[in-house]
Amino acid sequence: MRIAEVVRNTSETQIRVKINLDGTGQQKLASGVPFLDHMLDQIARHGMVDLEVEAHGDVHIDDHHTVEDVGITLGQAVAKALGDKKGVRRYGHSYVPLDEALTRVVIDLSGRPGLEFHIPFTRARIGTFDVDLTIEFFRGFVNHAAATLHIDNLRGINAHHQVETAFKAFGRALRMAVEFDERAAGQVPSTKGNLIG
């Protein structure tokens, strides 16, 4: 089982993330940001990873540091759980609809961080959640998982649906990318011979 646990402590946040890439979608989430917990649940359930997140952050200021740092710590945990990436598919993609919204996510466990993020949000907040924090979460993830990630909301009117389809599609794309390819058992899926950057 590919399991990793990462603890990240700063003056702004104290975060623990545990992930099992070969899980069944179980989750235990307490980030201190309710909407983020709802989105992390989408990753766990649609990515079929077991995920534990415990965070204590300076949410009395705003949610920015907590959301970004959870993304960072999740990226670190995924990278640690993947190890040398031998035998994985490397690439994953998914289209997810939710009513009027449709989002495409494509991921490459390339060893090189990169983010293309295109969601034309229709409003600034979902309840108390600032939609701009969505890109901060994914930027934190790619920079520390060393992955290339493309997120494109192809259509959508409801901002909640726009964000939720992004997280669901991310979970499903991640699931595909980390799965083992039986035809490539023990091989690193790269002509360079490694995926460490």
C-alpha atoms as a PDB file:
ATOM      1  CA  MET A   1       0.000   0.000   0.000  1.00  0.00           C
ATOM      2  CA  ARG A   2       1.302   3.437  -0.971  1.00  0.00           C
ATOM      3  CA  ILE A   3       0.717   5.398   2.197  1.00  0.00           C
ATOM      4  CA  ALA A   4       2.368   8.620   3.305  1.00  0.00           C
ATOM      5  CA  GLU A   5       1.922  11.054   6.154  1.00  0.00           C
ATOM      6  CA  VAL A   6       3.289  14.594   6.174  1.00  0.00           C
ATOM      7  CA  VAL A   7       3.236  17.144   8.979  1.00  0.00           C
ATOM      8  CA  ARG A   8       3.874  20.771   8.090  1.00  0.00           C
ATOM      9  CA  ASN A   9       4.121  23.428  10.780  1.00  0.00           C
ATOM     10  CA  THR A  10       4.585  27.154  10.225  1.00  0.00           C
ATOM     11  CA  SER A  11       3.744  30.239  12.232  1.00  0.00           C
ATOM     12  CA  GLU A  12       0.499  30.452  10.214  1.00  0.00           C
ATOM     13  CA  THR A  13      -0.673  26.838  10.031  1.00  0.00           C
ATOM     14  CA  GLN A  14      -0.159  23.421  11.568  1.00  0.00           C
ATOM     15  CA  ILE A  15      -1.199  20.698   9.131  1.00  0.00           C
ATOM     16  CA  ARG A  16      -1.160  16.911   9.017  1.00  0.00           C
ATOM     17  CA  VAL A  17      -2.094  15.011   5.863  1.00  0.00           C
ATOM     18  CA  LYS A  18      -2.183  11.244   5.498  1.00  0.00           C
ATOM     19  CA  ILE A  19      -2.987   9.609   2.173  1.00  0.00           C
ATOM     20  CA  ASN A  20      -3.367   6.054   0.917  1.00  0.00           C
ATOM     21  CA  LEU A  21      -3.242   6.057  -2.879  1.00  0.00           C
ATOM     22  CA  ASP A  22      -4.658   2.522  -2.931  1.00  0.00           C
ATOM     23  CA  GLY A  23      -7.620   3.292  -0.706  1.00  0.00           C
ATOM     24  CA  THR A  24     -11.378   3.147  -1.086  1.00  0.00           C
ATOM     25  CA  GLY A  25     -12.351   6.794  -0.667  1.00  0.00           C
ATOM     26  CA  GLN A  26     -12.451   6.924   3.116  1.00  0.00           C
ATOM     27  CA  GLN A  27     -11.865  10.341   4.628  1.00  0.00           C
ATOM     28  CA  LYS A  28     -11.424  12.156   7.906  1.00  0.00           C
ATOM     29  CA  LEU A  29     -11.338  15.893   7.311  1.00  0.00           C
ATOM     30  CA  ALA A  30     -10.941  18.779   9.731  1.00  0.00           C
ATOM     31  CA  SER A  31      -9.263  21.659   7.933  1.00  0.00           C
ATOM     32  CA  GLY A  32     -11.143  24.385   9.784  1.00  0.00           C
ATOM     33  CA  VAL A  33     -12.557  25.580   6.430  1.00  0.00           C
ATOM     34  CA  PRO A  34     -15.903  23.800   5.860  1.00  0.00           C
ATOM     35  CA  PHE A  35     -16.062  24.340   2.095  1.00  0.00           C
ATOM     36  CA  LEU A  36     -12.494  23.047   1.716  1.00  0.00           C
ATOM     37  CA  ASP A  37     -13.473  19.907   3.641  1.00  0.00           C
ATOM     38  CA  HIS A  38     -16.355  19.453   1.193  1.00  0.00           C
ATOM     39  CA  MET A  39     -13.910  19.701  -1.728  1.00  0.00           C
ATOM     40  CA  LEU A  40     -11.333  17.395  -0.122  1.00  0.00           C
ATOM     41  CA  ASP A  41     -14.139  14.861   0.277  1.00  0.00           C
ATOM     42  CA  GLN A  42     -14.598  15.010  -3.504  1.00  0.00           C
ATOM     43  CA  ILE A  43     -10.907  14.192  -4.014  1.00  0.00           C
ATOM     44  CA  ALA A  44     -11.090  11.223  -1.661  1.00  0.00           C
ATOM     45  CA  ARG A  45     -14.327   9.764  -2.989  1.00  0.00           C
ATOM     46  CA  HIS A  46     -13.714  10.297  -6.692  1.00  0.00           C
ATOM     47  CA  GLY A  47      -9.980   9.645  -6.488  1.00  0.00           C
ATOM     48  CA  MET A  48     -10.487   6.473  -4.461  1.00  0.00           C
ATOM     49  CA  VAL A  49      -7.809   7.554  -2.019  1.00  0.00           C
ATOM     50  CA  ASP A  50      -8.076   7.399   1.733  1.00  0.00           C
ATOM     51  CA  LEU A  51      -7.430  10.882   3.044  1.00  0.00           C
ATOM     52  CA  GLU A  52      -6.954  12.399   6.473  1.00  0.00           C
ATOM     53  CA  VAL A  53      -6.492  16.145   6.846  1.00  0.00           C
ATOM     54  CA  GLU A  54      -6.148  17.970  10.144  1.00  0.00           C
ATOM     55  CA  ALA A  55      -5.342  21.666  10.022  1.00  0.00           C
ATOM     56  CA  HIS A  56      -5.164  24.519  12.480  1.00  0.00           C
ATOM     57  CA  GLY A  57      -4.647  27.864  10.796  1.00  0.00           C
ATOM     58  CA  ASP A  58      -5.063  31.574  11.222  1.00  0.00           C
ATOM     59  CA  VAL A  59      -8.631  31.536   9.900  1.00  0.00           C
ATOM     60  CA  HIS A  60      -9.406  34.495  12.165  1.00  0.00           C
ATOM     61  CA  ILE A  61      -7.495  36.500   9.546  1.00  0.00           C
ATOM     62  CA  ASP A  62      -8.882  34.635   6.543  1.00  0.00           C
ATOM     63  CA  ASP A  63      -8.779  31.174   4.988  1.00  0.00           C
ATOM     64  CA  HIS A  64      -5.926  31.857   2.585  1.00  0.00           C
ATOM     65  CA  HIS A  65      -2.999  30.356   4.494  1.00  0.00           C
ATOM     66  CA  THR A  66      -4.941  27.244   5.517  1.00  0.00           C
ATOM     67  CA  VAL A  67      -6.249  26.465   2.030  1.00  0.00           C
ATOM     68  CA  GLU A  68      -2.891  27.063   0.357  1.00  0.00           C
ATOM     69  CA  ASP A  69      -0.945  25.113   2.970  1.00  0.00           C
ATOM     70  CA  VAL A  70      -3.313  22.144   2.814  1.00  0.00           C
ATOM     71  CA  GLY A  71      -2.657  22.074  -0.941  1.00  0.00           C
ATOM     72  CA  ILE A  72       1.089  22.181  -0.298  1.00  0.00           C
ATOM     73  CA  THR A  73       0.959  19.390   2.279  1.00  0.00           C
ATOM     74  CA  LEU A  74      -1.291  17.225   0.110  1.00  0.00           C
ATOM     75  CA  GLY A  75       1.193  17.632  -2.738  1.00  0.00           C
ATOM     76  CA  GLN A  76       4.046  16.577  -0.464  1.00  0.00           C
ATOM     77  CA  ALA A  77       2.096  13.547   0.719  1.00  0.00           C
ATOM     78  CA  VAL A  78       1.219  12.433  -2.815  1.00  0.00           C
ATOM     79  CA  ALA A  79       4.856  12.781  -3.915  1.00  0.00           C
ATOM     80  CA  LYS A  80       6.039  10.796  -0.909  1.00  0.00           C
ATOM     81  CA  ALA A  81       3.450   8.049  -1.455  1.00  0.00           C
ATOM     82  CA  LEU A  82       4.349   7.743  -5.153  1.00  0.00           C
ATOM     83  CA  GLY A  83       8.033   7.179  -4.501  1.00  0.00           C
ATOM     84  CA  ASP A  84       9.944   6.528  -7.746  1.00  0.00           C
ATOM     85  CA  LYS A  85       6.667   6.263  -9.732  1.00  0.00           C
ATOM     86  CA  LYS A  86       7.639   2.928 -11.264  1.00  0.00           C
ATOM     87  CA  GLY A  87       4.741   1.235 -13.003  1.00  0.00           C
ATOM     88  CA  VAL A  88       2.234   4.089 -12.712  1.00  0.00           C
ATOM     89  CA  ARG A  89       0.264   5.418 -15.660  1.00  0.00           C
ATOM     90  CA  ARG A  90       1.660   8.930 -15.053  1.00  0.00           C
ATOM     91  CA  TYR A  91      -1.077  10.715 -17.016  1.00  0.00           C
ATOM     92  CA  GLY A  92      -4.704  11.106 -16.005  1.00  0.00           C
ATOM     93  CA  HIS A  93      -7.687  13.036 -17.280  1.00  0.00           C
ATOM     94  CA  SER A  94     -11.347  13.491 -16.522  1.00  0.00           C
ATOM     95  CA  TYR A  95     -14.387  15.444 -17.602  1.00  0.00           C
ATOM     96  CA  VAL A  96     -16.970  15.970 -14.855  1.00  0.00           C
ATOM     97  CA  PRO A  97     -20.385  17.614 -15.244  1.00  0.00           C
ATOM     98  CA  LEU A  98     -22.589  18.961 -12.489  1.00  0.00           C
ATOM     99  CA  ASP A  99     -25.863  20.288 -13.840  1.00  0.00           C
ATOM    100  CA  GLU A 100     -24.877  23.204 -16.117  1.00  0.00           C
ATOM    101  CA  ALA A 101     -21.163  23.091 -15.252  1.00  0.00           C
ATOM    102  CA  LEU A 102     -18.520  21.016 -17.018  1.00  0.00           C
ATOM    103  CA  THR A 103     -14.831  20.888 -16.128  1.00  0.00           C
ATOM    104  CA  ARG A 104     -11.872  19.072 -17.672  1.00  0.00           C
ATOM    105  CA  VAL A 105      -8.769  18.208 -15.647  1.00  0.00           C
ATOM    106  CA  VAL A 106      -5.579  16.699 -17.057  1.00  0.00           C
ATOM    107  CA  ILE A 107      -2.606  15.747 -14.876  1.00  0.00           C
ATOM    108  CA  ASP A 108       0.936  14.599 -15.601  1.00  0.00           C
ATOM    109  CA  LEU A 109       3.075  13.282 -12.752  1.00  0.00           C
ATOM    110  CA  SER A 110       5.986  14.714 -14.676  1.00  0.00           C
ATOM    111  CA  GLY A 111       8.339  15.763 -11.903  1.00  0.00           C
ATOM    112  CA  ARG A 112       7.904  19.337 -13.131  1.00  0.00           C
ATOM    113  CA  PRO A 113       5.432  21.689 -11.452  1.00  0.00           C
ATOM    114  CA  GLY A 114       3.098  23.563 -13.744  1.00  0.00           C
ATOM    115  CA  LEU A 115      -0.449  24.857 -13.499  1.00  0.00           C
ATOM    116  CA  GLU A 116      -2.848  26.077 -16.167  1.00  0.00           C
ATOM    117  CA  PHE A 117      -5.995  27.191 -14.373  1.00  0.00           C
ATOM    118  CA  HIS A 118      -8.960  28.549 -16.305  1.00  0.00           C
ATOM    119  CA  ILE A 119     -12.177  28.927 -14.331  1.00  0.00           C
ATOM    120  CA  PRO A 120     -14.163  32.083 -15.148  1.00  0.00           C
ATOM    121  CA  PHE A 121     -15.876  32.333 -11.780  1.00  0.00           C
ATOM    122  CA  THR A 122     -19.366  33.782 -11.883  1.00  0.00           C
ATOM    123  CA  ARG A 123     -19.159  35.187  -8.362  1.00  0.00           C
ATOM    124  CA  ALA A 124     -16.475  35.970  -5.795  1.00  0.00           C
ATOM    125  CA  ARG A 125     -17.674  33.869  -2.864  1.00  0.00           C
ATOM    126  CA  ILE A 126     -19.376  30.573  -2.156  1.00  0.00           C
ATOM    127  CA  GLY A 127     -20.834  31.258   1.246  1.00  0.00           C
ATOM    128  CA  THR A 128     -17.795  32.602   3.087  1.00  0.00           C
ATOM    129  CA  PHE A 129     -15.287  30.829   0.816  1.00  0.00           C
ATOM    130  CA  ASP A 130     -13.262  33.105  -1.485  1.00  0.00           C
ATOM    131  CA  VAL A 131     -13.209  31.392  -4.904  1.00  0.00           C
ATOM    132  CA  ASP A 132      -9.691  32.784  -5.557  1.00  0.00           C
ATOM    133  CA  LEU A 133      -8.415  30.285  -2.996  1.00  0.00           C
ATOM    134  CA  THR A 134      -9.168  27.471  -5.450  1.00  0.00           C
ATOM    135  CA  ILE A 135      -6.143  28.347  -7.574  1.00  0.00           C
ATOM    136  CA  GLU A 136      -4.005  28.786  -4.447  1.00  0.00           C
ATOM    137  CA  PHE A 137      -4.862  25.235  -3.370  1.00  0.00           C
ATOM    138  CA  PHE A 138      -3.966  23.733  -6.733  1.00  0.00           C
ATOM    139  CA  ARG A 139      -0.833  25.883  -7.105  1.00  0.00           C
ATOM    140  CA  GLY A 140       0.355  24.637  -3.719  1.00  0.00           C
ATOM    141  CA  PHE A 141      -0.381  21.070  -4.787  1.00  0.00           C
ATOM    142  CA  VAL A 142       1.482  21.134  -8.123  1.00  0.00           C
ATOM    143  CA  ASN A 143       4.521  22.928  -6.715  1.00  0.00           C
ATOM    144  CA  HIS A 144       5.015  20.227  -4.077  1.00  0.00           C
ATOM    145  CA  ALA A 145       3.759  17.147  -5.903  1.00  0.00           C
ATOM    146  CA  ALA A 146       5.932  18.187  -8.887  1.00  0.00           C
ATOM    147  CA  ALA A 147       3.023  17.640 -11.256  1.00  0.00           C
ATOM    148  CA  THR A 148       1.685  19.424 -14.310  1.00  0.00           C
ATOM    149  CA  LEU A 149      -2.017  20.195 -13.991  1.00  0.00           C
ATOM    150  CA  HIS A 150      -4.493  21.713 -16.432  1.00  0.00           C
ATOM    151  CA  ILE A 151      -7.925  22.734 -15.127  1.00  0.00           C
ATOM    152  CA  ASP A 152     -10.452  24.105 -17.598  1.00  0.00           C
ATOM    153  CA  ASN A 153     -14.028  24.937 -16.705  1.00  0.00           C
ATOM    154  CA  LEU A 154     -15.672  24.579 -20.101  1.00  0.00           C
ATOM    155  CA  ARG A 155     -19.012  25.989 -19.010  1.00  0.00           C
ATOM    156  CA  GLY A 156     -20.830  26.906 -15.849  1.00  0.00           C
ATOM    157  CA  ILE A 157     -23.067  29.490 -14.249  1.00  0.00           C
ATOM    158  CA  ASN A 158     -23.112  28.386 -10.619  1.00  0.00           C
ATOM    159  CA  ALA A 159     -19.745  29.051  -8.928  1.00  0.00           C
ATOM    160  CA  HIS A 160     -20.253  26.184  -6.471  1.00  0.00           C
ATOM    161  CA  HIS A 161     -20.710  23.828  -9.418  1.00  0.00           C
ATOM    162  CA  GLN A 162     -17.660  25.265 -11.161  1.00  0.00           C
ATOM    163  CA  VAL A 163     -15.410  24.582  -8.193  1.00  0.00           C
ATOM    164  CA  GLU A 164     -16.933  21.228  -7.305  1.00  0.00           C
ATOM    165  CA  THR A 165     -16.520  19.863 -10.826  1.00  0.00           C
ATOM    166  CA  ALA A 166     -12.859  20.925 -10.717  1.00  0.00           C
ATOM    167  CA  PHE A 167     -12.220  18.997  -7.500  1.00  0.00           C
ATOM    168  CA  LYS A 168     -14.174  15.948  -8.651  1.00  0.00           C
ATOM    169  CA  ALA A 169     -12.376  15.872 -11.995  1.00  0.00           C
ATOM    170  CA  PHE A 170      -9.045  16.367 -10.225  1.00  0.00           C
ATOM    171  CA  GLY A 171      -9.758  13.375  -8.001  1.00  0.00           C
ATOM    172  CA  ARG A 172     -10.648  11.168 -10.963  1.00  0.00           C
ATOM    173  CA  ALA A 173      -7.643  12.326 -13.007  1.00  0.00           C
ATOM    174  CA  LEU A 174      -5.319  11.706 -10.060  1.00  0.00           C
ATOM    175  CA  ARG A 175      -6.799   8.243  -9.629  1.00  0.00           C
ATOM    176  CA  MET A 176      -5.993   7.402 -13.237  1.00  0.00           C
ATOM    177  CA  ALA A 177      -2.464   8.821 -13.072  1.00  0.00           C
ATOM    178  CA  VAL A 178      -1.411   6.942  -9.922  1.00  0.00           C
ATOM    179  CA  GLU A 179      -2.898   3.607 -11.001  1.00  0.00           C
ATOM    180  CA  PHE A 180      -0.495   0.837 -11.925  1.00  0.00           C
ATOM    181  CA  ASP A 181      -0.206  -0.057 -15.593  1.00  0.00           C
ATOM    182  CA  GLU A 182       0.137  -3.850 -15.786  1.00  0.00           C
ATOM    183  CA  ARG A 183       1.875  -3.601 -19.165  1.00  0.00           C
ATOM    184  CA  ALA A 184       4.550  -1.321 -17.703  1.00  0.00           C
ATOM    185  CA  ALA A 185       5.220  -3.119 -14.428  1.00  0.00           C
ATOM    186  CA  GLY A 186       8.379  -1.865 -12.757  1.00  0.00           C
ATOM    187  CA  GLN A 187       9.095   0.709 -15.457  1.00  0.00           C
ATOM    188  CA  VAL A 188       9.307   4.456 -15.017  1.00  0.00           C
ATOM    189  CA  PRO A 189       6.968   5.954 -17.650  1.00  0.00           C
ATOM    190  CA  SER A 190       9.559   8.318 -19.118  1.00  0.00           C
ATOM    191  CA  THR A 191      12.232   8.126 -21.804  1.00  0.00           C
ATOM    192  CA  LYS A 192      14.528   9.932 -19.351  1.00  0.00           C
ATOM    193  CA  GLY A 193      14.375   6.998 -16.974  1.00  0.00           C
ATOM    194  CA  ASN A 194      13.072   9.036 -14.050  1.00  0.00           C
ATOM    195  CA  LEU A 195      10.307  11.472 -13.144  1.00  0.00           C
ATOM    196  CA  ILE A 196      12.068  13.547 -10.533  1.00  0.00           C
ATOM    197  CA  GLY A 197      12.315  16.768 -12.515  1.00  0.00           C
END
